[in-house]
Amino acid sequence: MPTIMAQTQIQKDKLAITEVSNARAKAFNEMNAPEIAKYFTSDGALMAPGKLVSIGQEAVAEYYQDIFDEFDVVLESHYVEVEVSGNLAYGRGEATVYATSKIDGVASISKSKYLNILERQEDGSWKTTHDIWNTNDVTTQ
């Protein structure tokens, strides 16, 4: 059983990991692809449904920039579970993306579940090593 000091550190880590997720969501809502990418490790993997894996911060930024070029978006997301084991952690969450096409104005709502794997960096911060999700459903309006 972890000591009280270890439990306190785990709680601090869970809070820091949740803050990373919130910062990524904020960057998404600001349609700031480079800001999202900075929360990934240099070799982080983004595994979007129906797409090839995007490896590295530049590829992650390109993936999101393509979305922002085509859609106005709003993201609502939250972790349902966060677990920490040493220098690795995961966050399991749920998300809803509201997207409106910049071309024809068609709006859609996409609900999904996701899993982030994170790694503690040398400076103590947490960055995403892997991000994968799949869609529950998509509704067009």
C-alpha atoms as a PDB file:
ATOM      1  CA  MET A   1       0.000   0.000   0.000  1.00  0.00           C
ATOM      2  CA  PRO A   2       1.413   3.429  -0.959  1.00  0.00           C
ATOM      3  CA  THR A   3       2.490   5.695   1.868  1.00  0.00           C
ATOM      4  CA  ILE A   4       0.595   8.900   2.579  1.00  0.00           C
ATOM      5  CA  MET A   5       3.433  10.841   0.927  1.00  0.00           C
ATOM      6  CA  ALA A   6       3.237   8.620  -2.179  1.00  0.00           C
ATOM      7  CA  GLN A   7      -0.553   8.983  -2.271  1.00  0.00           C
ATOM      8  CA  THR A   8      -0.173  12.771  -2.084  1.00  0.00           C
ATOM      9  CA  GLN A   9       2.268  12.713  -5.023  1.00  0.00           C
ATOM     10  CA  ILE A  10      -0.101  10.533  -7.036  1.00  0.00           C
ATOM     11  CA  GLN A  11      -2.924  13.022  -6.396  1.00  0.00           C
ATOM     12  CA  LYS A  12      -0.658  15.891  -7.509  1.00  0.00           C
ATOM     13  CA  ASP A  13       0.258  13.930 -10.652  1.00  0.00           C
ATOM     14  CA  LYS A  14      -3.408  13.225 -11.424  1.00  0.00           C
ATOM     15  CA  LEU A  15      -4.172  16.924 -11.082  1.00  0.00           C
ATOM     16  CA  ALA A  16      -1.238  17.858 -13.342  1.00  0.00           C
ATOM     17  CA  ILE A  17      -2.356  15.300 -15.945  1.00  0.00           C
ATOM     18  CA  THR A  18      -5.909  16.651 -15.857  1.00  0.00           C
ATOM     19  CA  GLU A  19      -4.503  20.156 -16.328  1.00  0.00           C
ATOM     20  CA  VAL A  20      -2.622  18.959 -19.439  1.00  0.00           C
ATOM     21  CA  SER A  21      -5.873  17.583 -20.833  1.00  0.00           C
ATOM     22  CA  ASN A  22      -7.689  20.834 -20.056  1.00  0.00           C
ATOM     23  CA  ALA A  23      -4.911  22.881 -21.693  1.00  0.00           C
ATOM     24  CA  ARG A  24      -5.109  20.717 -24.815  1.00  0.00           C
ATOM     25  CA  ALA A  25      -8.894  21.189 -24.935  1.00  0.00           C
ATOM     26  CA  LYS A  26      -8.481  24.950 -24.514  1.00  0.00           C
ATOM     27  CA  ALA A  27      -5.957  25.016 -27.391  1.00  0.00           C
ATOM     28  CA  PHE A  28      -8.384  22.976 -29.522  1.00  0.00           C
ATOM     29  CA  ASN A  29     -11.191  25.439 -28.824  1.00  0.00           C
ATOM     30  CA  GLU A  30      -8.836  28.281 -29.744  1.00  0.00           C
ATOM     31  CA  MET A  31      -8.011  26.320 -32.932  1.00  0.00           C
ATOM     32  CA  ASN A  32      -4.315  26.520 -32.055  1.00  0.00           C
ATOM     33  CA  ALA A  33      -2.672  23.428 -33.557  1.00  0.00           C
ATOM     34  CA  PRO A  34       0.925  24.221 -32.472  1.00  0.00           C
ATOM     35  CA  GLU A  35      -0.242  24.689 -28.885  1.00  0.00           C
ATOM     36  CA  ILE A  36      -1.949  21.272 -28.897  1.00  0.00           C
ATOM     37  CA  ALA A  37       1.193  19.652 -30.308  1.00  0.00           C
ATOM     38  CA  LYS A  38       3.415  21.018 -27.546  1.00  0.00           C
ATOM     39  CA  TYR A  39       1.612  18.722 -25.071  1.00  0.00           C
ATOM     40  CA  PHE A  40       2.907  15.689 -26.998  1.00  0.00           C
ATOM     41  CA  THR A  41       6.368  14.160 -26.679  1.00  0.00           C
ATOM     42  CA  SER A  42       8.693  14.620 -29.659  1.00  0.00           C
ATOM     43  CA  ASP A  43       7.756  11.102 -30.808  1.00  0.00           C
ATOM     44  CA  GLY A  44       4.151  11.157 -29.575  1.00  0.00           C
ATOM     45  CA  ALA A  45       1.594   9.162 -31.567  1.00  0.00           C
ATOM     46  CA  LEU A  46      -1.836  10.523 -32.499  1.00  0.00           C
ATOM     47  CA  MET A  47      -4.092   7.674 -33.623  1.00  0.00           C
ATOM     48  CA  ALA A  48      -7.230   9.241 -35.088  1.00  0.00           C
ATOM     49  CA  PRO A  49     -10.027   7.034 -36.438  1.00  0.00           C
ATOM     50  CA  GLY A  50      -9.686   6.233 -40.119  1.00  0.00           C
ATOM     51  CA  LYS A  51      -6.282   7.943 -40.405  1.00  0.00           C
ATOM     52  CA  LEU A  52      -2.666   6.854 -40.465  1.00  0.00           C
ATOM     53  CA  VAL A  53      -0.785   7.400 -37.226  1.00  0.00           C
ATOM     54  CA  SER A  54       0.650  10.914 -36.872  1.00  0.00           C
ATOM     55  CA  ILE A  55       4.060  10.682 -35.173  1.00  0.00           C
ATOM     56  CA  GLY A  56       5.744  13.696 -33.590  1.00  0.00           C
ATOM     57  CA  GLN A  57       4.722  17.215 -32.714  1.00  0.00           C
ATOM     58  CA  GLU A  58       4.882  18.516 -36.283  1.00  0.00           C
ATOM     59  CA  ALA A  59       2.609  15.749 -37.576  1.00  0.00           C
ATOM     60  CA  VAL A  60       0.186  16.278 -34.680  1.00  0.00           C
ATOM     61  CA  ALA A  61       0.033  20.000 -35.427  1.00  0.00           C
ATOM     62  CA  GLU A  62      -0.585  19.277 -39.128  1.00  0.00           C
ATOM     63  CA  TYR A  63      -3.430  16.893 -38.279  1.00  0.00           C
ATOM     64  CA  TYR A  64      -5.193  19.486 -36.158  1.00  0.00           C
ATOM     65  CA  GLN A  65      -4.470  22.368 -38.535  1.00  0.00           C
ATOM     66  CA  ASP A  66      -6.210  20.433 -41.328  1.00  0.00           C
ATOM     67  CA  ILE A  67      -9.310  20.223 -39.121  1.00  0.00           C
ATOM     68  CA  PHE A  68      -9.169  23.919 -38.205  1.00  0.00           C
ATOM     69  CA  ASP A  69      -8.753  24.912 -41.863  1.00  0.00           C
ATOM     70  CA  GLU A  70     -11.986  23.113 -42.727  1.00  0.00           C
ATOM     71  CA  PHE A  71     -14.163  23.536 -39.616  1.00  0.00           C
ATOM     72  CA  ASP A  72     -15.067  25.867 -36.799  1.00  0.00           C
ATOM     73  CA  VAL A  73     -15.015  23.640 -33.728  1.00  0.00           C
ATOM     74  CA  VAL A  74     -15.972  23.446 -30.078  1.00  0.00           C
ATOM     75  CA  LEU A  75     -14.726  20.624 -27.853  1.00  0.00           C
ATOM     76  CA  GLU A  76     -16.163  19.472 -24.554  1.00  0.00           C
ATOM     77  CA  SER A  77     -14.036  16.783 -22.925  1.00  0.00           C
ATOM     78  CA  HIS A  78     -13.184  15.352 -19.549  1.00  0.00           C
ATOM     79  CA  TYR A  79     -11.347  12.464 -18.003  1.00  0.00           C
ATOM     80  CA  VAL A  80     -13.446   9.727 -16.437  1.00  0.00           C
ATOM     81  CA  GLU A  81     -10.393   8.014 -14.985  1.00  0.00           C
ATOM     82  CA  VAL A  82      -6.735   8.882 -14.443  1.00  0.00           C
ATOM     83  CA  GLU A  83      -4.165   6.393 -13.161  1.00  0.00           C
ATOM     84  CA  VAL A  84      -0.469   6.943 -12.421  1.00  0.00           C
ATOM     85  CA  SER A  85       2.265   4.327 -12.141  1.00  0.00           C
ATOM     86  CA  GLY A  86       5.716   5.812 -11.649  1.00  0.00           C
ATOM     87  CA  ASN A  87       6.606   7.921 -14.682  1.00  0.00           C
ATOM     88  CA  LEU A  88       3.726   6.649 -16.823  1.00  0.00           C
ATOM     89  CA  ALA A  89       0.040   7.418 -16.615  1.00  0.00           C
ATOM     90  CA  TYR A  90      -3.159   7.155 -18.573  1.00  0.00           C
ATOM     91  CA  GLY A  91      -6.304   9.183 -18.795  1.00  0.00           C
ATOM     92  CA  ARG A  92      -9.546   7.692 -20.095  1.00  0.00           C
ATOM     93  CA  GLY A  93     -12.116  10.224 -21.149  1.00  0.00           C
ATOM     94  CA  GLU A  94     -15.163  11.245 -23.097  1.00  0.00           C
ATOM     95  CA  ALA A  95     -15.465  14.042 -25.626  1.00  0.00           C
ATOM     96  CA  THR A  96     -17.992  15.806 -27.792  1.00  0.00           C
ATOM     97  CA  VAL A  97     -16.893  17.858 -30.797  1.00  0.00           C
ATOM     98  CA  TYR A  98     -19.247  20.338 -32.432  1.00  0.00           C
ATOM     99  CA  ALA A  99     -17.983  21.129 -35.928  1.00  0.00           C
ATOM    100  CA  THR A 100     -19.330  23.487 -38.562  1.00  0.00           C
ATOM    101  CA  SER A 101     -17.968  23.333 -42.089  1.00  0.00           C
ATOM    102  CA  LYS A 102     -16.380  26.579 -43.245  1.00  0.00           C
ATOM    103  CA  ILE A 103     -17.333  25.618 -46.803  1.00  0.00           C
ATOM    104  CA  ASP A 104     -21.048  24.844 -46.650  1.00  0.00           C
ATOM    105  CA  GLY A 105     -22.055  25.547 -43.032  1.00  0.00           C
ATOM    106  CA  VAL A 106     -23.089  21.945 -42.353  1.00  0.00           C
ATOM    107  CA  ALA A 107     -22.853  21.250 -38.623  1.00  0.00           C
ATOM    108  CA  SER A 108     -22.071  17.935 -36.991  1.00  0.00           C
ATOM    109  CA  ILE A 109     -21.713  16.564 -33.498  1.00  0.00           C
ATOM    110  CA  SER A 110     -19.256  13.761 -32.794  1.00  0.00           C
ATOM    111  CA  LYS A 111     -19.196  11.933 -29.469  1.00  0.00           C
ATOM    112  CA  SER A 112     -16.230   9.748 -28.635  1.00  0.00           C
ATOM    113  CA  LYS A 113     -14.233   7.994 -25.966  1.00  0.00           C
ATOM    114  CA  TYR A 114     -10.466   8.341 -25.771  1.00  0.00           C
ATOM    115  CA  LEU A 115      -7.340   7.128 -24.070  1.00  0.00           C
ATOM    116  CA  ASN A 116      -4.195   9.189 -23.489  1.00  0.00           C
ATOM    117  CA  ILE A 117      -0.940   7.680 -22.318  1.00  0.00           C
ATOM    118  CA  LEU A 118       1.378  10.194 -20.697  1.00  0.00           C
ATOM    119  CA  GLU A 119       4.981  10.192 -19.551  1.00  0.00           C
ATOM    120  CA  ARG A 120       6.611  12.321 -16.868  1.00  0.00           C
ATOM    121  CA  GLN A 121       9.305  14.511 -18.405  1.00  0.00           C
ATOM    122  CA  GLU A 122      12.678  15.296 -16.849  1.00  0.00           C
ATOM    123  CA  ASP A 123      11.331  18.644 -15.604  1.00  0.00           C
ATOM    124  CA  GLY A 124       8.431  16.859 -13.855  1.00  0.00           C
ATOM    125  CA  SER A 125       5.784  17.901 -16.377  1.00  0.00           C
ATOM    126  CA  TRP A 126       3.586  15.375 -18.181  1.00  0.00           C
ATOM    127  CA  LYS A 127       3.326  14.964 -21.957  1.00  0.00           C
ATOM    128  CA  THR A 128       1.216  12.706 -24.122  1.00  0.00           C
ATOM    129  CA  THR A 129       2.992   9.753 -25.734  1.00  0.00           C
ATOM    130  CA  HIS A 130      -0.124   8.212 -27.293  1.00  0.00           C
ATOM    131  CA  ASP A 131      -3.608   9.556 -27.991  1.00  0.00           C
ATOM    132  CA  ILE A 132      -6.290   7.310 -29.468  1.00  0.00           C
ATOM    133  CA  TRP A 133     -10.058   7.622 -29.716  1.00  0.00           C
ATOM    134  CA  ASN A 134     -13.051   6.232 -31.487  1.00  0.00           C
ATOM    135  CA  THR A 135     -16.417   7.692 -32.228  1.00  0.00           C
ATOM    136  CA  ASN A 136     -19.605   6.697 -30.456  1.00  0.00           C
ATOM    137  CA  ASP A 137     -21.786   8.449 -33.015  1.00  0.00           C
ATOM    138  CA  VAL A 138     -21.946  11.411 -35.360  1.00  0.00           C
ATOM    139  CA  THR A 139     -24.994  13.583 -35.870  1.00  0.00           C
ATOM    140  CA  THR A 140     -25.403  16.025 -38.736  1.00  0.00           C
ATOM    141  CA  GLN A 141     -27.663  19.016 -38.378  1.00  0.00           C
END
